[in-house]
Amino acid sequence: MSAILKRDLRAYFTSPLGYVFIAAYIIVMNGTFYLFNIASSTNSIKTVFSVMLYTLVIIVPILTMRTLSEDYKQRTDQLLLTSPVKPLGIVFGKFFAAYLVFVFSLALTLIYVIIISAFGKVNIPSVIGNYVAILGIAAVYISIGVFISSLTENQLIANISTIGVFALLLILDLLYNLIKVGWIRVVLYWLSIYRRYNTFILGVFSVADFVYYLSVAGIFIFMTVRMLEKKRWS
């Protein structure tokens, strides 16, 4: 797994992809922080985290679209599948490579907390809760993106399909607010990634909600492993 992780991490920064992702993420976040905190002279960064959450819908597909699609296109997937590394190790290596690039980008936003704390009071539990929730949701998104990338050798299709799935998750959240039927709301809440985010905004660390994020990520990682195993034996 470590060899795959190092190889993919290196690939992110020997091509424009990693830099494009980080630049896009930081430009959006810096603009949001300036508009809603610096220009508005407020110490609440709730809006920054909300924008951060929805920004992932667009930028995570950029990060994940080539994870396996590129190997299919370059025919290096055969080398991977015949190597001593098991499919689980391959998937974990690619997942964690993308995840570490995201974590590095997210770490850069800690400067916002430092700036606000220098001029006012920061709600630390809420900030920690938001960061934990973003990390959990990012794990779900990246696992979905890696899975979709395992379905096609076309990076553009992988990108658009991943955005489509994320848009569907947003629609489910919207439906939760519109539908009043009890059992349907229960189902939509169970499927909704964003409903659980509200708990963390309040600074309450919900173990159940965080485990939910990890479980969903685990399901998509498992399905990606199954796809690679299918290709190995086909």
Protein backbone atom coordinates (compact mmCIF):
# COMPACT_ATOMS: atom_id res chain seq x y z
CA MET A 1 0.00 0.00 0.00
CA SER A 2 2.79 2.44 0.90
CA ALA A 3 4.31 2.13 -2.58
CA ILE A 4 0.96 3.01 -4.20
CA LEU A 5 0.49 5.87 -1.74
CA LYS A 6 3.92 7.36 -2.45
CA ARG A 7 3.52 6.92 -6.20
CA ASP A 8 0.12 8.63 -6.31
CA LEU A 9 1.18 11.43 -3.97
CA ARG A 10 4.16 12.08 -6.22
CA ALA A 11 1.86 12.04 -9.26
CA TYR A 12 -0.33 14.78 -7.77
CA PHE A 13 2.64 17.13 -7.51
CA THR A 14 4.51 16.18 -10.68
CA SER A 15 1.45 17.14 -12.70
CA PRO A 16 -0.76 20.26 -12.51
CA LEU A 17 -3.63 18.34 -10.87
CA GLY A 18 -2.54 18.67 -7.25
CA TYR A 19 -1.69 22.34 -7.65
CA VAL A 20 -4.98 23.07 -9.46
CA PHE A 21 -6.93 21.42 -6.66
CA ILE A 22 -5.12 23.27 -3.87
CA ALA A 23 -5.27 26.59 -5.73
CA ALA A 24 -9.01 26.27 -6.48
CA TYR A 25 -9.76 25.31 -2.90
CA ILE A 26 -7.72 28.12 -1.34
CA ILE A 27 -8.98 30.80 -3.76
CA VAL A 28 -12.61 29.99 -2.93
CA MET A 29 -11.92 29.76 0.81
CA ASN A 30 -9.85 32.96 0.94
CA GLY A 31 -12.56 34.85 -0.96
CA THR A 32 -15.23 33.53 1.40
CA PHE A 33 -13.18 34.37 4.49
CA TYR A 34 -12.53 37.89 3.25
CA LEU A 35 -16.19 38.59 2.38
CA PHE A 36 -17.83 37.07 5.45
CA ASN A 37 -15.20 37.77 8.11
CA ILE A 38 -12.66 40.44 7.18
CA ALA A 39 -15.01 42.74 5.27
CA SER A 40 -17.91 42.06 7.65
CA SER A 41 -15.76 42.30 10.81
CA THR A 42 -17.22 39.17 12.37
CA ASN A 43 -15.53 36.40 14.35
CA SER A 44 -17.95 33.65 13.31
CA ILE A 45 -16.58 31.36 10.61
CA LYS A 46 -19.73 29.29 10.30
CA THR A 47 -20.29 30.61 6.76
CA VAL A 48 -16.73 29.71 5.77
CA PHE A 49 -17.33 26.10 6.76
CA SER A 50 -20.70 26.02 5.00
CA VAL A 51 -19.12 27.25 1.76
CA MET A 52 -16.26 24.79 2.31
CA LEU A 53 -18.77 21.95 2.53
CA TYR A 54 -20.44 22.80 -0.77
CA THR A 55 -17.15 23.60 -2.49
CA LEU A 56 -16.20 19.95 -2.03
CA VAL A 57 -18.96 19.03 -4.49
CA ILE A 58 -17.02 20.68 -7.31
CA ILE A 59 -13.38 20.25 -6.35
CA VAL A 60 -13.22 16.70 -4.96
CA PRO A 61 -14.04 15.23 -8.42
CA ILE A 62 -10.95 17.07 -9.72
CA LEU A 63 -8.91 15.26 -7.09
CA THR A 64 -10.34 11.78 -7.64
CA MET A 65 -11.14 11.61 -11.35
CA ARG A 66 -7.78 10.13 -12.33
CA THR A 67 -7.16 7.80 -9.36
CA LEU A 68 -7.95 4.64 -11.32
CA SER A 69 -9.13 6.04 -14.67
CA GLU A 70 -5.57 7.12 -15.48
CA ASP A 71 -4.27 3.59 -14.86
CA TYR A 72 -6.96 2.15 -17.12
CA LYS A 73 -6.12 4.64 -19.87
CA GLN A 74 -2.35 4.09 -19.62
CA ARG A 75 -2.86 0.31 -19.23
CA THR A 76 -0.82 0.39 -16.02
CA ASP A 77 -3.73 -1.22 -14.20
CA GLN A 78 -2.47 -4.59 -15.42
CA LEU A 79 0.83 -3.96 -13.65
CA LEU A 80 -1.03 -3.03 -10.48
CA LEU A 81 -3.32 -6.04 -10.61
CA THR A 82 -0.46 -8.49 -11.19
CA SER A 83 1.75 -6.92 -8.50
CA PRO A 84 2.10 -8.43 -5.01
CA VAL A 85 -0.13 -5.66 -3.65
CA LYS A 86 -3.66 -6.84 -2.96
CA PRO A 87 -6.62 -4.88 -4.40
CA LEU A 88 -7.41 -3.57 -0.91
CA GLY A 89 -3.88 -2.15 -0.64
CA ILE A 90 -4.19 -0.55 -4.09
CA VAL A 91 -7.48 1.12 -3.21
CA PHE A 92 -6.29 2.27 0.21
CA GLY A 93 -3.11 3.66 -1.32
CA LYS A 94 -5.04 5.70 -3.87
CA PHE A 95 -7.68 6.78 -1.37
CA PHE A 96 -5.16 7.99 1.20
CA ALA A 97 -3.06 9.77 -1.44
CA ALA A 98 -6.10 11.85 -2.46
CA TYR A 99 -7.15 12.27 1.16
CA LEU A 100 -3.73 13.56 2.24
CA VAL A 101 -3.77 16.17 -0.54
CA PHE A 102 -7.14 17.31 0.78
CA VAL A 103 -5.95 17.33 4.40
CA PHE A 104 -2.97 19.48 3.40
CA SER A 105 -5.34 21.94 1.68
CA LEU A 106 -7.65 21.97 4.71
CA ALA A 107 -4.72 22.59 7.06
CA LEU A 108 -3.96 25.81 5.18
CA THR A 109 -7.34 27.19 6.33
CA LEU A 110 -6.23 27.05 9.98
CA ILE A 111 -4.76 30.49 9.36
CA TYR A 112 -8.34 31.81 9.46
CA VAL A 113 -8.73 30.64 13.05
CA ILE A 114 -5.40 32.20 13.99
CA ILE A 115 -6.36 35.54 12.40
CA ILE A 116 -9.74 35.66 14.13
CA SER A 117 -8.29 34.63 17.51
CA ALA A 118 -5.80 37.51 17.24
CA PHE A 119 -8.63 40.05 17.07
CA GLY A 120 -11.51 38.37 18.90
CA LYS A 121 -12.88 35.28 20.57
CA VAL A 122 -13.18 32.01 18.68
CA ASN A 123 -15.72 29.31 19.54
CA ILE A 124 -13.15 26.50 19.71
CA PRO A 125 -15.60 23.55 20.18
CA SER A 126 -17.55 24.69 17.11
CA VAL A 127 -14.37 25.09 15.06
CA ILE A 128 -13.13 21.63 16.04
CA GLY A 129 -16.55 20.15 15.33
CA ASN A 130 -16.63 21.71 11.87
CA TYR A 131 -13.14 20.47 11.00
CA VAL A 132 -13.97 16.95 12.18
CA ALA A 133 -17.19 16.96 10.14
CA ILE A 134 -15.40 18.25 7.02
CA LEU A 135 -12.79 15.50 7.38
CA GLY A 136 -15.56 12.89 7.67
CA ILE A 137 -17.53 14.20 4.70
CA ALA A 138 -14.33 14.47 2.63
CA ALA A 139 -13.65 10.80 3.36
CA VAL A 140 -17.10 9.94 2.00
CA TYR A 141 -16.69 12.13 -1.07
CA ILE A 142 -13.21 10.88 -1.91
CA SER A 143 -14.26 7.24 -1.51
CA ILE A 144 -17.20 7.86 -3.88
CA GLY A 145 -14.89 9.60 -6.35
CA VAL A 146 -12.36 6.75 -6.28
CA PHE A 147 -15.17 4.23 -6.82
CA ILE A 148 -16.56 6.11 -9.82
CA SER A 149 -13.03 6.44 -11.21
CA SER A 150 -12.77 2.64 -11.06
CA LEU A 151 -15.74 2.35 -13.44
CA THR A 152 -14.28 4.16 -16.45
CA GLU A 153 -11.01 5.06 -18.15
CA ASN A 154 -12.35 8.47 -19.17
CA GLN A 155 -11.41 11.09 -16.59
CA LEU A 156 -14.01 13.58 -17.81
CA ILE A 157 -16.79 11.01 -17.41
CA ALA A 158 -15.49 10.17 -13.93
CA ASN A 159 -15.49 13.86 -13.01
CA ILE A 160 -18.99 14.59 -14.31
CA SER A 161 -20.43 11.39 -12.84
CA THR A 162 -18.96 12.16 -9.43
CA ILE A 163 -20.40 15.68 -9.49
CA GLY A 164 -23.75 14.12 -10.46
CA VAL A 165 -23.71 11.80 -7.44
CA PHE A 166 -22.79 14.68 -5.13
CA ALA A 167 -25.61 16.77 -6.63
CA LEU A 168 -28.00 13.91 -5.92
CA LEU A 169 -26.92 13.92 -2.28
CA LEU A 170 -27.69 17.65 -2.16
CA ILE A 171 -31.12 17.03 -3.66
CA LEU A 172 -31.85 14.41 -0.99
CA ASP A 173 -31.04 17.02 1.65
CA LEU A 174 -33.35 19.52 -0.07
CA LEU A 175 -36.15 16.93 -0.19
CA TYR A 176 -35.78 16.40 3.56
CA ASN A 177 -36.75 20.04 4.08
CA LEU A 178 -39.69 19.84 1.66
CA ILE A 179 -41.28 16.48 2.49
CA LYS A 180 -43.37 16.23 5.64
CA VAL A 181 -44.22 12.49 5.58
CA GLY A 182 -42.65 10.97 8.68
CA TRP A 183 -41.20 7.70 7.40
CA ILE A 184 -39.85 9.33 4.21
CA ARG A 185 -38.07 11.96 6.32
CA VAL A 186 -36.52 9.16 8.39
CA VAL A 187 -35.20 7.48 5.24
CA LEU A 188 -33.92 10.77 3.82
CA TYR A 189 -32.22 11.63 7.10
CA TRP A 190 -30.49 8.26 7.11
CA LEU A 191 -29.26 8.86 3.55
CA SER A 192 -28.36 12.53 4.06
CA ILE A 193 -24.74 13.43 4.66
CA TYR A 194 -25.59 17.06 5.39
CA ARG A 195 -28.19 16.54 8.14
CA ARG A 196 -25.48 15.04 10.34
CA TYR A 197 -23.23 18.00 9.71
CA ASN A 198 -25.59 20.24 11.68
CA THR A 199 -24.63 18.50 14.93
CA PHE A 200 -20.95 19.33 14.49
CA ILE A 201 -21.71 22.98 13.69
CA LEU A 202 -22.97 23.35 17.25
CA GLY A 203 -19.66 22.07 18.60
CA VAL A 204 -21.14 18.71 19.61
CA PHE A 205 -19.00 15.74 18.60
CA SER A 206 -21.39 12.97 17.59
CA VAL A 207 -19.65 9.61 17.56
CA ALA A 208 -22.63 8.02 15.78
CA ASP A 209 -22.56 10.59 12.97
CA PHE A 210 -18.80 10.35 12.54
CA VAL A 211 -19.00 6.55 12.45
CA TYR A 212 -21.70 6.95 9.79
CA TYR A 213 -19.27 8.91 7.61
CA LEU A 214 -16.56 6.29 8.09
CA SER A 215 -19.05 3.49 7.36
CA VAL A 216 -20.23 5.07 4.10
CA ALA A 217 -16.61 5.64 3.05
CA GLY A 218 -15.86 2.01 3.94
CA ILE A 219 -18.75 0.77 1.78
CA PHE A 220 -17.47 2.61 -1.30
CA ILE A 221 -13.90 1.48 -0.66
CA PHE A 222 -15.19 -2.10 -0.44
CA MET A 223 -17.08 -1.71 -3.73
CA THR A 224 -13.94 -0.33 -5.39
CA VAL A 225 -11.97 -3.33 -4.15
CA ARG A 226 -14.62 -5.61 -5.63
CA MET A 227 -14.33 -3.81 -8.97
CA LEU A 228 -10.56 -4.35 -9.03
CA GLU A 229 -10.96 -7.99 -8.05
CA LYS A 230 -13.43 -8.41 -10.90
CA LYS A 231 -10.93 -6.90 -13.33
CA ARG A 232 -8.13 -9.07 -11.96
CA TRP A 233 -10.05 -12.27 -12.66
CA SER A 234 -11.61 -11.19 -15.96
